[in-house]
Amino acid sequence: MTSALLSIAMIAGFALLWGAWRLWKRDGLGQKVWLMIAAALVLFVNIAIWTVPDEQGRSLAESTDQPN
């Protein structure tokens, strides 16, 4: 389940960047463009937090995917 959510978050982040680029091309740089870029960056940082392994080689995504 965690892998699916991380995949959806990646798609959403790229969609936000694509939408910001399209809005910038149409209307120029504005507050909405910066907010979309910021939201995408927050998503990417959260994904990195969940997937980058620690010193023991474990990540948060791996620890939650294990069945009980």
PDB file of N, CA and C in Angstrom:
ATOM      1  N   MET A   1       0.819  -1.196   0.000  1.00  0.00           N
ATOM      2  CA  MET A   1       0.000   0.000   0.000  1.00  0.00           C
ATOM      3  C   MET A   1       0.859   1.255   0.000  1.00  0.00           C
ATOM      4  N   THR A   2       1.945   1.218   0.767  1.00  0.00           N
ATOM      5  CA  THR A   2       2.831   2.373   0.835  1.00  0.00           C
ATOM      6  C   THR A   2       3.465   2.665  -0.516  1.00  0.00           C
ATOM      7  N   SER A   3       3.837   1.626  -1.240  1.00  0.00           N
ATOM      8  CA  SER A   3       4.445   1.827  -2.559  1.00  0.00           C
ATOM      9  C   SER A   3       3.474   2.507  -3.510  1.00  0.00           C
ATOM     10  N   ALA A   4       2.216   2.119  -3.448  1.00  0.00           N
ATOM     11  CA  ALA A   4       1.210   2.742  -4.314  1.00  0.00           C
ATOM     12  C   ALA A   4       1.024   4.214  -3.963  1.00  0.00           C
ATOM     13  N   LEU A   5       1.005   4.525  -2.678  1.00  0.00           N
ATOM     14  CA  LEU A   5       0.848   5.919  -2.262  1.00  0.00           C
ATOM     15  C   LEU A   5       2.052   6.765  -2.655  1.00  0.00           C
ATOM     16  N   LEU A   6       3.247   6.204  -2.544  1.00  0.00           N
ATOM     17  CA  LEU A   6       4.439   6.937  -2.955  1.00  0.00           C
ATOM     18  C   LEU A   6       4.441   7.164  -4.468  1.00  0.00           C
ATOM     19  N   SER A   7       3.966   6.183  -5.217  1.00  0.00           N
ATOM     20  CA  SER A   7       3.871   6.341  -6.673  1.00  0.00           C
ATOM     21  C   SER A   7       2.873   7.430  -7.050  1.00  0.00           C
ATOM     22  N   ILE A   8       1.748   7.450  -6.377  1.00  0.00           N
ATOM     23  CA  ILE A   8       0.743   8.487  -6.634  1.00  0.00           C
ATOM     24  C   ILE A   8       1.294   9.859  -6.269  1.00  0.00           C
ATOM     25  N   ALA A   9       2.046   9.939  -5.189  1.00  0.00           N
ATOM     26  CA  ALA A   9       2.639  11.212  -4.786  1.00  0.00           C
ATOM     27  C   ALA A   9       3.650  11.700  -5.820  1.00  0.00           C
ATOM     28  N   MET A  10       4.443  10.784  -6.393  1.00  0.00           N
ATOM     29  CA  MET A  10       5.393  11.172  -7.440  1.00  0.00           C
ATOM     30  C   MET A  10       4.655  11.705  -8.663  1.00  0.00           C
ATOM     31  N   ILE A  11       3.601  11.019  -9.069  1.00  0.00           N
ATOM     32  CA  ILE A  11       2.815  11.469 -10.221  1.00  0.00           C
ATOM     33  C   ILE A  11       2.209  12.829  -9.934  1.00  0.00           C
ATOM     34  N   ALA A  12       1.701  13.024  -8.722  1.00  0.00           N
ATOM     35  CA  ALA A  12       1.118  14.314  -8.349  1.00  0.00           C
ATOM     36  C   ALA A  12       2.168  15.420  -8.363  1.00  0.00           C
ATOM     37  N   GLY A  13       3.375  15.119  -7.896  1.00  0.00           N
ATOM     38  CA  GLY A  13       4.445  16.112  -7.902  1.00  0.00           C
ATOM     39  C   GLY A  13       4.811  16.535  -9.320  1.00  0.00           C
ATOM     40  N   PHE A  14       4.942  15.562 -10.219  1.00  0.00           N
ATOM     41  CA  PHE A  14       5.246  15.903 -11.608  1.00  0.00           C
ATOM     42  C   PHE A  14       4.084  16.634 -12.270  1.00  0.00           C
ATOM     43  N   ALA A  15       2.863  16.269 -11.916  1.00  0.00           N
ATOM     44  CA  ALA A  15       1.694  16.976 -12.459  1.00  0.00           C
ATOM     45  C   ALA A  15       1.669  18.428 -11.975  1.00  0.00           C
ATOM     46  N   LEU A  16       2.035  18.658 -10.722  1.00  0.00           N
ATOM     47  CA  LEU A  16       2.103  20.026 -10.210  1.00  0.00           C
ATOM     48  C   LEU A  16       3.164  20.839 -10.944  1.00  0.00           C
ATOM     49  N   LEU A  17       4.323  20.237 -11.182  1.00  0.00           N
ATOM     50  CA  LEU A  17       5.369  20.948 -11.916  1.00  0.00           C
ATOM     51  C   LEU A  17       4.949  21.241 -13.352  1.00  0.00           C
ATOM     52  N   TRP A  18       4.317  20.269 -13.992  1.00  0.00           N
ATOM     53  CA  TRP A  18       3.846  20.464 -15.360  1.00  0.00           C
ATOM     54  C   TRP A  18       2.781  21.561 -15.401  1.00  0.00           C
ATOM     55  N   GLY A  19       1.866  21.541 -14.451  1.00  0.00           N
ATOM     56  CA  GLY A  19       0.827  22.563 -14.391  1.00  0.00           C
ATOM     57  C   GLY A  19       1.400  23.943 -14.107  1.00  0.00           C
ATOM     58  N   ALA A  20       2.416  24.018 -13.258  1.00  0.00           N
ATOM     59  CA  ALA A  20       3.058  25.304 -12.977  1.00  0.00           C
ATOM     60  C   ALA A  20       3.743  25.835 -14.229  1.00  0.00           C
ATOM     61  N   TRP A  21       4.388  24.949 -14.976  1.00  0.00           N
ATOM     62  CA  TRP A  21       5.055  25.366 -16.212  1.00  0.00           C
ATOM     63  C   TRP A  21       4.040  25.883 -17.234  1.00  0.00           C
ATOM     64  N   ARG A  22       2.932  25.163 -17.375  1.00  0.00           N
ATOM     65  CA  ARG A  22       1.887  25.590 -18.322  1.00  0.00           C
ATOM     66  C   ARG A  22       1.282  26.931 -17.898  1.00  0.00           C
ATOM     67  N   LEU A  23       1.031  27.108 -16.606  1.00  0.00           N
ATOM     68  CA  LEU A  23       0.469  28.357 -16.103  1.00  0.00           C
ATOM     69  C   LEU A  23       1.458  29.505 -16.283  1.00  0.00           C
ATOM     70  N   TRP A  24       2.745  29.231 -16.078  1.00  0.00           N
ATOM     71  CA  TRP A  24       3.769  30.243 -16.269  1.00  0.00           C
ATOM     72  C   TRP A  24       3.849  30.669 -17.733  1.00  0.00           C
ATOM     73  N   LYS A  25       3.748  29.698 -18.650  1.00  0.00           N
ATOM     74  CA  LYS A  25       3.776  30.019 -20.078  1.00  0.00           C
ATOM     75  C   LYS A  25       2.567  30.857 -20.487  1.00  0.00           C
ATOM     76  N   ARG A  26       1.422  30.622 -19.868  1.00  0.00           N
ATOM     77  CA  ARG A  26       0.189  31.312 -20.244  1.00  0.00           C
ATOM     78  C   ARG A  26       0.074  32.688 -19.601  1.00  0.00           C
ATOM     79  N   ASP A  27       0.301  32.755 -18.275  1.00  0.00           N
ATOM     80  CA  ASP A  27       0.041  33.986 -17.531  1.00  0.00           C
ATOM     81  C   ASP A  27       1.289  34.674 -16.992  1.00  0.00           C
ATOM     82  N   GLY A  28       2.431  34.044 -17.093  1.00  0.00           N
ATOM     83  CA  GLY A  28       3.630  34.604 -16.487  1.00  0.00           C
ATOM     84  C   GLY A  28       3.766  34.148 -15.046  1.00  0.00           C
ATOM     85  N   LEU A  29       4.862  34.586 -14.423  1.00  0.00           N
ATOM     86  CA  LEU A  29       5.142  34.182 -13.058  1.00  0.00           C
ATOM     87  C   LEU A  29       4.170  34.848 -12.099  1.00  0.00           C
ATOM     88  N   GLY A  30       3.505  34.043 -11.315  1.00  0.00           N
ATOM     89  CA  GLY A  30       2.552  34.568 -10.343  1.00  0.00           C
ATOM     90  C   GLY A  30       2.577  33.732  -9.085  1.00  0.00           C
ATOM     91  N   GLN A  31       1.713  34.083  -8.155  1.00  0.00           N
ATOM     92  CA  GLN A  31       1.683  33.392  -6.874  1.00  0.00           C
ATOM     93  C   GLN A  31       1.279  31.928  -7.030  1.00  0.00           C
ATOM     94  N   LYS A  32       0.348  31.642  -7.936  1.00  0.00           N
ATOM     95  CA  LYS A  32      -0.096  30.257  -8.119  1.00  0.00           C
ATOM     96  C   LYS A  32       1.039  29.366  -8.608  1.00  0.00           C
ATOM     97  N   VAL A  33       1.865  29.897  -9.494  1.00  0.00           N
ATOM     98  CA  VAL A  33       2.987  29.118 -10.014  1.00  0.00           C
ATOM     99  C   VAL A  33       3.946  28.759  -8.877  1.00  0.00           C
ATOM    100  N   TRP A  34       4.288  29.746  -8.043  1.00  0.00           N
ATOM    101  CA  TRP A  34       5.197  29.487  -6.935  1.00  0.00           C
ATOM    102  C   TRP A  34       4.603  28.516  -5.924  1.00  0.00           C
ATOM    103  N   LEU A  35       3.303  28.626  -5.676  1.00  0.00           N
ATOM    104  CA  LEU A  35       2.657  27.700  -4.739  1.00  0.00           C
ATOM    105  C   LEU A  35       2.646  26.271  -5.279  1.00  0.00           C
ATOM    106  N   MET A  36       2.437  26.125  -6.577  1.00  0.00           N
ATOM    107  CA  MET A  36       2.469  24.788  -7.175  1.00  0.00           C
ATOM    108  C   MET A  36       3.866  24.195  -7.118  1.00  0.00           C
ATOM    109  N   ILE A  37       4.882  25.000  -7.355  1.00  0.00           N
ATOM    110  CA  ILE A  37       6.260  24.524  -7.270  1.00  0.00           C
ATOM    111  C   ILE A  37       6.586  24.140  -5.828  1.00  0.00           C
ATOM    112  N   ALA A  38       6.161  24.951  -4.871  1.00  0.00           N
ATOM    113  CA  ALA A  38       6.405  24.650  -3.460  1.00  0.00           C
ATOM    114  C   ALA A  38       5.708  23.358  -3.040  1.00  0.00           C
ATOM    115  N   ALA A  39       4.485  23.161  -3.498  1.00  0.00           N
ATOM    116  CA  ALA A  39       3.757  21.934  -3.163  1.00  0.00           C
ATOM    117  C   ALA A  39       4.455  20.714  -3.747  1.00  0.00           C
ATOM    118  N   ALA A  40       4.951  20.836  -4.970  1.00  0.00           N
ATOM    119  CA  ALA A  40       5.680  19.727  -5.594  1.00  0.00           C
ATOM    120  C   ALA A  40       6.959  19.425  -4.825  1.00  0.00           C
ATOM    121  N   LEU A  41       7.677  20.453  -4.404  1.00  0.00           N
ATOM    122  CA  LEU A  41       8.898  20.238  -3.634  1.00  0.00           C
ATOM    123  C   LEU A  41       8.613  19.568  -2.295  1.00  0.00           C
ATOM    124  N   VAL A  42       7.529  19.962  -1.653  1.00  0.00           N
ATOM    125  CA  VAL A  42       7.143  19.318  -0.388  1.00  0.00           C
ATOM    126  C   VAL A  42       6.856  17.838  -0.623  1.00  0.00           C
ATOM    127  N   LEU A  43       6.164  17.523  -1.687  1.00  0.00           N
ATOM    128  CA  LEU A  43       5.893  16.117  -2.010  1.00  0.00           C
ATOM    129  C   LEU A  43       7.185  15.345  -2.241  1.00  0.00           C
ATOM    130  N   PHE A  44       8.103  15.918  -3.020  1.00  0.00           N
ATOM    131  CA  PHE A  44       9.358  15.223  -3.316  1.00  0.00           C
ATOM    132  C   PHE A  44      10.214  15.030  -2.063  1.00  0.00           C
ATOM    133  N   VAL A  45      10.228  16.011  -1.174  1.00  0.00           N
ATOM    134  CA  VAL A  45      10.993  15.862   0.071  1.00  0.00           C
ATOM    135  C   VAL A  45      10.359  14.790   0.952  1.00  0.00           C
ATOM    136  N   ASN A  46       9.049  14.752   1.023  1.00  0.00           N
ATOM    137  CA  ASN A  46       8.377  13.706   1.806  1.00  0.00           C
ATOM    138  C   ASN A  46       8.670  12.323   1.239  1.00  0.00           C
ATOM    139  N   ILE A  47       8.680  12.196  -0.071  1.00  0.00           N
ATOM    140  CA  ILE A  47       9.002  10.911  -0.690  1.00  0.00           C
ATOM    141  C   ILE A  47      10.433  10.513  -0.367  1.00  0.00           C
ATOM    142  N   ALA A  48      11.342  11.495  -0.411  1.00  0.00           N
ATOM    143  CA  ALA A  48      12.739  11.203  -0.070  1.00  0.00           C
ATOM    144  C   ALA A  48      12.871  10.760   1.379  1.00  0.00           C
ATOM    145  N   ILE A  49      12.151  11.392   2.277  1.00  0.00           N
ATOM    146  CA  ILE A  49      12.195  11.003   3.686  1.00  0.00           C
ATOM    147  C   ILE A  49      11.733   9.561   3.851  1.00  0.00           C
ATOM    148  N   TRP A  50      10.722   9.176   3.110  1.00  0.00           N
ATOM    149  CA  TRP A  50      10.177   7.828   3.239  1.00  0.00           C
ATOM    150  C   TRP A  50      11.040   6.771   2.563  1.00  0.00           C
ATOM    151  N   THR A  51      11.809   7.138   1.537  1.00  0.00           N
ATOM    152  CA  THR A  51      12.501   6.109   0.760  1.00  0.00           C
ATOM    153  C   THR A  51      14.006   6.056   0.959  1.00  0.00           C
ATOM    154  N   VAL A  52      14.649   7.125   1.400  1.00  0.00           N
ATOM    155  CA  VAL A  52      16.099   7.108   1.586  1.00  0.00           C
ATOM    156  C   VAL A  52      16.428   6.264   2.812  1.00  0.00           C
ATOM    157  N   PRO A  53      17.326   5.299   2.647  1.00  0.00           N
ATOM    158  CA  PRO A  53      17.638   4.426   3.792  1.00  0.00           C
ATOM    159  C   PRO A  53      18.491   5.122   4.847  1.00  0.00           C
ATOM    160  N   ASP A  54      18.376   4.614   6.089  1.00  0.00           N
ATOM    161  CA  ASP A  54      19.189   5.146   7.183  1.00  0.00           C
ATOM    162  C   ASP A  54      20.520   4.391   7.245  1.00  0.00           C
ATOM    163  N   GLU A  55      21.244   4.533   8.355  1.00  0.00           N
ATOM    164  CA  GLU A  55      22.550   3.904   8.481  1.00  0.00           C
ATOM    165  C   GLU A  55      22.469   2.372   8.443  1.00  0.00           C
ATOM    166  N   GLN A  56      21.381   1.816   8.914  1.00  0.00           N
ATOM    167  CA  GLN A  56      21.210   0.361   8.911  1.00  0.00           C
ATOM    168  C   GLN A  56      20.658  -0.158   7.584  1.00  0.00           C
ATOM    169  N   GLY A  57      20.394   0.717   6.639  1.00  0.00           N
ATOM    170  CA  GLY A  57      19.880   0.295   5.340  1.00  0.00           C
ATOM    171  C   GLY A  57      18.377   0.115   5.295  1.00  0.00           C
ATOM    172  N   ARG A  58      17.679   0.605   6.307  1.00  0.00           N
ATOM    173  CA  ARG A  58      16.222   0.478   6.344  1.00  0.00           C
ATOM    174  C   ARG A  58      15.582   1.820   6.026  1.00  0.00           C
ATOM    175  N   SER A  59      14.448   1.782   5.344  1.00  0.00           N
ATOM    176  CA  SER A  59      13.696   3.012   5.079  1.00  0.00           C
ATOM    177  C   SER A  59      12.316   2.891   5.710  1.00  0.00           C
ATOM    178  N   LEU A  60      11.645   4.023   5.847  1.00  0.00           N
ATOM    179  CA  LEU A  60      10.302   4.002   6.425  1.00  0.00           C
ATOM    180  C   LEU A  60       9.326   3.233   5.539  1.00  0.00           C
ATOM    181  N   ALA A  61       9.510   3.311   4.223  1.00  0.00           N
ATOM    182  CA  ALA A  61       8.612   2.610   3.314  1.00  0.00           C
ATOM    183  C   ALA A  61       8.723   1.100   3.482  1.00  0.00           C
ATOM    184  N   GLU A  62       9.928   0.607   3.697  1.00  0.00           N
ATOM    185  CA  GLU A  62      10.118  -0.833   3.884  1.00  0.00           C
ATOM    186  C   GLU A  62       9.541  -1.319   5.200  1.00  0.00           C
ATOM    187  N   SER A  63       9.630  -0.504   6.233  1.00  0.00           N
ATOM    188  CA  SER A  63       9.158  -0.944   7.541  1.00  0.00           C
ATOM    189  C   SER A  63       7.634  -1.002   7.610  1.00  0.00           C
ATOM    190  N   THR A  64       6.939  -0.221   6.785  1.00  0.00           N
ATOM    191  CA  THR A  64       5.467  -0.235   6.819  1.00  0.00           C
ATOM    192  C   THR A  64       4.879  -1.218   5.840  1.00  0.00           C
ATOM    193  N   ASP A  65       5.662  -1.717   4.876  1.00  0.00           N
ATOM    194  CA  ASP A  65       5.148  -2.678   3.901  1.00  0.00           C
ATOM    195  C   ASP A  65       5.152  -4.109   4.412  1.00  0.00           C
ATOM    196  N   GLN A  66       5.782  -4.359   5.553  1.00  0.00           N
ATOM    197  CA  GLN A  66       5.871  -5.701   6.091  1.00  0.00           C
ATOM    198  C   GLN A  66       4.535  -6.137   6.659  1.00  0.00           C
ATOM    199  N   PRO A  67       4.058  -7.337   6.321  1.00  0.00           N
ATOM    200  CA  PRO A  67       2.805  -7.818   6.925  1.00  0.00           C
ATOM    201  C   PRO A  67       3.007  -8.146   8.390  1.00  0.00           C
ATOM    202  N   ASN A  68       1.931  -7.983   9.148  1.00  0.00           N
ATOM    203  CA  ASN A  68       1.997  -8.260  10.599  1.00  0.00           C
ATOM    204  C   ASN A  68       1.838  -9.711  10.883  1.00  0.00           C
TER     205      ASN A  68
END
